[in-house]
Protein backbone atom coordinates (compact mmCIF):
# COMPACT_ATOMS: atom_id res chain seq x y z
CA MET A 1 5.30 -0.62 -14.30
CA LYS A 2 8.55 -2.48 -14.85
CA LYS A 3 10.54 0.59 -13.88
CA GLN A 4 8.43 0.95 -10.77
CA LEU A 5 8.90 -2.70 -9.80
CA LEU A 6 12.70 -2.34 -10.20
CA THR A 7 12.68 0.72 -7.97
CA ALA A 8 10.74 -1.32 -5.28
CA LEU A 9 13.17 -4.24 -5.44
CA LEU A 10 16.24 -1.94 -5.22
CA PHE A 11 14.67 -0.22 -2.23
CA CYS A 12 14.34 -3.45 -0.26
CA MET A 13 17.60 -4.86 -1.37
CA SER A 14 19.57 -1.73 -0.37
CA GLY A 15 17.95 -1.65 3.00
CA SER A 16 18.78 -5.32 3.53
CA VAL A 17 22.44 -4.82 2.63
CA TYR A 18 22.70 -1.81 4.89
CA ALA A 19 21.08 -3.65 7.80
CA ASN A 20 23.27 -6.74 7.48
CA GLY A 21 26.39 -4.51 7.45
CA PHE A 22 25.25 -2.31 10.28
CA PHE A 23 24.10 -5.04 12.67
CA SER A 24 26.44 -7.95 11.80
CA PRO A 25 28.77 -9.26 14.51
CA GLY A 26 32.42 -8.45 14.06
CA ILE A 27 31.80 -5.02 12.51
CA ASN A 28 32.88 -2.34 14.95
CA THR A 29 29.84 0.03 14.75
CA GLY A 30 29.22 0.18 18.43
CA THR A 31 25.74 -1.15 17.85
CA THR A 32 24.47 -4.63 18.65
CA ARG A 33 21.09 -6.30 18.03
CA PRO A 34 18.60 -6.14 20.86
CA PRO A 35 18.21 -9.33 22.88
CA GLY A 36 15.78 -11.93 21.39
CA PHE A 37 16.40 -11.07 17.78
CA MET A 38 18.64 -13.45 15.93
CA ASN A 39 21.47 -12.06 13.84
CA GLY A 40 20.71 -11.39 10.20
CA THR A 41 17.86 -9.77 8.30
CA LYS A 42 14.54 -11.68 8.43
CA LEU A 43 12.45 -11.88 5.32
CA TYR A 44 8.69 -12.16 4.92
CA ALA A 45 5.95 -12.39 2.31
CA GLY A 46 2.24 -12.49 2.36
CA GLY A 47 -1.13 -11.39 0.93
CA SER A 48 -4.03 -9.30 2.14
CA LEU A 49 -7.64 -8.84 1.12
CA GLY A 50 -10.02 -6.09 2.02
CA ALA A 51 -11.77 -2.97 0.73
CA GLY A 52 -10.39 -0.08 -1.36
CA GLN A 53 -11.92 3.32 -1.28
CA GLN A 54 -11.37 6.40 -3.56
CA GLY A 55 -12.97 8.96 -1.32
CA ASP A 56 -13.20 11.94 -3.70
CA VAL A 57 -14.82 10.23 -6.69
CA CYS A 58 -18.30 10.90 -5.43
CA ASN A 59 -17.61 14.53 -4.34
CA ASP A 60 -19.10 16.24 -7.36
CA PRO A 61 -21.86 18.76 -6.41
CA PHE A 62 -23.13 18.83 -10.00
CA PHE A 63 -23.62 15.10 -10.36
CA ASN A 64 -26.99 13.35 -9.67
CA GLY A 65 -27.18 9.54 -9.69
CA SER A 66 -25.56 6.54 -8.00
CA CYS A 67 -22.00 6.48 -7.02
CA ASP A 68 -19.91 3.72 -5.48
CA ASP A 69 -16.44 4.74 -4.21
CA LYS A 70 -15.58 1.38 -2.65
CA ASP A 71 -14.55 -2.00 -4.17
CA VAL A 72 -12.86 -5.24 -3.31
CA ALA A 73 -9.13 -4.74 -3.03
CA TRP A 74 -6.10 -6.87 -2.42
CA LYS A 75 -2.30 -6.76 -2.35
CA VAL A 76 0.74 -9.13 -2.23
CA PHE A 77 3.70 -7.95 -0.20
CA GLY A 78 7.18 -8.79 0.89
CA GLY A 79 9.80 -7.26 3.07
CA ALA A 80 12.83 -7.35 5.34
CA ARG A 81 12.91 -7.06 9.05
CA PHE A 82 16.28 -5.58 10.01
CA ASP A 83 15.80 -5.69 13.81
CA PRO A 84 12.85 -5.75 16.22
CA MET A 85 11.98 -2.08 15.54
CA TRP A 86 12.67 -1.43 11.78
CA GLY A 87 12.10 -2.86 8.36
CA ALA A 88 11.23 -2.14 4.75
CA GLU A 89 8.35 -3.41 2.62
CA ALA A 90 7.26 -3.49 -1.02
CA ALA A 91 3.79 -4.47 -2.37
CA TYR A 92 1.68 -4.72 -5.45
CA ASN A 93 -1.69 -3.16 -4.74
CA LYS A 94 -4.99 -3.72 -6.65
CA LEU A 95 -7.09 -0.89 -5.19
CA GLY A 96 -10.33 -1.70 -7.08
CA THR A 97 -12.63 0.19 -9.40
CA THR A 98 -15.02 2.97 -8.42
CA SER A 99 -18.01 3.90 -10.57
CA LYS A 100 -20.85 6.37 -10.87
CA THR A 101 -23.80 6.58 -13.19
CA GLY A 102 -26.30 9.42 -13.58
CA ASN A 103 -26.41 12.92 -15.08
CA THR A 104 -24.73 16.20 -14.87
CA SER A 105 -26.69 19.39 -15.79
CA GLY A 106 -29.31 17.22 -17.51
CA SER A 107 -26.81 15.22 -19.68
CA SER A 108 -25.92 11.55 -19.08
CA ALA A 109 -22.67 11.08 -17.21
CA GLY A 110 -20.64 8.12 -15.88
CA LEU A 111 -17.24 7.27 -14.62
CA GLU A 112 -15.16 4.15 -13.88
CA ASN A 113 -11.80 4.69 -12.25
CA GLU A 114 -9.46 1.77 -11.62
CA LEU A 115 -6.32 2.07 -9.55
CA THR A 116 -3.29 -0.18 -9.20
CA GLY A 117 0.16 0.53 -7.82
CA ILE A 118 3.53 -0.65 -6.48
CA SER A 119 4.31 0.73 -3.05
CA VAL A 120 7.61 0.91 -1.06
CA ALA A 121 7.75 1.93 2.59
CA ALA A 122 9.85 1.97 5.75
CA VAL A 123 8.13 0.19 8.58
CA GLY A 124 8.46 0.75 12.37
CA TYR A 125 7.32 -1.80 14.99
CA VAL A 126 6.25 -1.38 18.66
CA PRO A 127 5.39 -4.37 20.95
CA VAL A 128 1.94 -4.16 22.48
CA ALA A 129 1.52 -7.52 24.25
CA THR A 130 2.76 -11.07 24.07
CA GLN A 131 2.70 -12.07 20.33
CA ILE A 132 1.11 -8.71 19.36
CA GLU A 133 2.75 -5.68 17.93
CA ALA A 134 1.61 -2.47 16.26
CA PHE A 135 3.37 -1.05 13.22
CA GLY A 136 3.45 2.13 11.21
CA LYS A 137 4.78 2.84 7.74
CA GLY A 138 5.66 5.67 5.46
CA GLY A 139 6.65 5.67 1.87
CA ALA A 140 5.39 6.06 -1.62
CA ILE A 141 3.11 4.47 -4.20
CA PHE A 142 3.90 4.28 -7.92
CA TRP A 143 0.31 4.23 -9.23
CA ASP A 144 -1.45 3.49 -12.50
CA ARG A 145 -4.91 4.97 -13.29
CA GLU A 146 -7.31 3.79 -16.00
CA THR A 147 -10.46 5.88 -16.35
CA THR A 148 -13.56 5.53 -18.64
CA GLN A 149 -15.74 8.56 -18.64
CA THR A 150 -19.13 9.21 -20.21
CA ALA A 151 -20.38 12.80 -20.72
CA GLY A 152 -23.23 13.97 -22.98
CA GLY A 153 -23.31 10.55 -24.77
CA ALA A 154 -19.65 10.42 -25.55
CA THR A 155 -17.27 7.97 -23.95
CA THR A 156 -13.63 8.62 -23.55
CA SER A 157 -10.80 6.56 -21.97
CA SER A 158 -7.59 7.78 -20.40
CA LYS A 159 -4.55 6.28 -18.60
CA ASP A 160 -1.97 7.92 -16.46
CA GLU A 161 0.72 7.09 -13.85
CA GLY A 162 2.54 8.93 -11.12
CA THR A 163 3.96 8.84 -7.58
CA SER A 164 2.21 9.82 -4.42
CA PRO A 165 2.97 9.69 -0.66
CA LEU A 166 1.73 6.74 1.43
CA LEU A 167 1.10 6.34 5.16
CA GLY A 168 -0.26 3.31 7.02
CA ALA A 169 -0.70 1.70 10.40
CA GLY A 170 -1.77 -1.73 11.63
CA VAL A 171 -1.49 -4.58 14.17
CA GLN A 172 -0.10 -8.10 13.72
CA TYR A 173 -0.48 -11.25 15.78
CA GLN A 174 2.14 -14.02 15.81
CA VAL A 175 0.38 -17.31 15.37
CA ASN A 176 3.52 -19.45 15.53
CA ASP A 177 7.23 -19.08 14.74
CA ASN A 178 6.55 -18.32 11.10
CA LEU A 179 2.90 -17.25 10.62
CA HIS A 180 1.39 -13.83 11.38
CA LEU A 181 -2.00 -12.37 10.98
CA ARG A 182 -2.18 -8.64 10.24
CA GLY A 183 -4.80 -6.00 9.88
CA GLU A 184 -3.95 -2.60 8.52
CA TRP A 185 -4.97 0.66 6.97
CA GLU A 186 -3.01 2.46 4.27
CA HIS A 187 -3.74 5.95 2.89
CA MET A 188 -2.44 7.23 -0.47
CA PHE A 189 -2.56 10.95 -1.09
CA ASN A 190 -3.63 12.66 -4.37
CA VAL A 191 -3.67 9.60 -6.56
CA GLY A 192 -4.33 11.04 -9.98
CA SER A 193 -2.90 13.31 -12.59
CA ASP A 194 -5.22 16.43 -12.44
CA SER A 195 -8.20 17.84 -10.61
CA ALA A 196 -10.67 15.87 -12.75
CA TYR A 197 -9.39 12.48 -11.60
CA GLU A 198 -7.43 13.23 -8.43
CA THR A 199 -8.48 11.40 -5.31
CA ASP A 200 -7.12 10.13 -1.97
CA ALA A 201 -7.33 6.34 -1.77
CA ASP A 202 -7.51 4.05 1.25
CA LEU A 203 -6.90 0.30 1.61
CA TYR A 204 -8.35 -1.53 4.66
CA SER A 205 -7.11 -5.14 4.66
CA ILE A 206 -6.58 -8.30 6.65
CA GLY A 207 -3.80 -10.65 5.64
CA LEU A 208 -1.55 -13.61 6.32
CA MET A 209 2.21 -13.39 6.37
CA TYR A 210 4.97 -16.01 6.42
CA SER A 211 8.18 -14.88 8.07
CA THR A 212 11.57 -16.31 8.77
CA LEU A 213 11.52 -14.61 12.18
C-alpha cells in the first residue's frame, strides 16, 4: 500500500509541475490560459460517502442462500486543476464488504470480500450551466482484497493486490468560491486475482470538496 500511495502522489505532482510549466506566463509555448482561470495550478481536497457494489459476487449459479453485493463505501480525495478543462486526482477508496451465506451442492458455503484501493486518474471538465459542470475521469486503481470463504465447514482466508482500469463520471456544483458539491459514479474493472474472486466494482457517492479555485 505504501508503494501504491507513493505512485499516486508522484502522479499528481508530475502533472502539477508540467501544468505550471506549460501554462505559466513568460514561457514561450504559444499557449495561454483561457479567460476566467487565474494563473497557477489550483488544488482541491474532499471526501465522499455512498454505496459500493461488487456486482459479480452473487453471480454463482450453484449457490443457494442470501447474498448482499452492496455496502456503505467512502473515499477521501485530492487533486490539481491545471486549467478549466483538465486536472488529475488521487483517492483512497473504501469500497465496502460484500457477503453471502447459504449452501453449494448441499454443503454450507459463505463468503466475505472486502475491497480497498488507491486510485489515480486524469479528469476532464465540461461546463453545463452557471456554477455547474460535468466531469469524466480515466485511470487506474491499486486495489487490496481480503476474502474469507467457508466451504464444506472449512473456513479459509486470503489476501491479494493488483491494478485495474478505472472510469468515472459526475457532476459538481459550485456553492461558493471554495466549496463544491459533487455526485459521481466510478467503475473499476476486474478487481481480483482470479476467476474465483474477480468482480467489477462500482462506487456511487456524494461528496464535499474544498478548492483554491
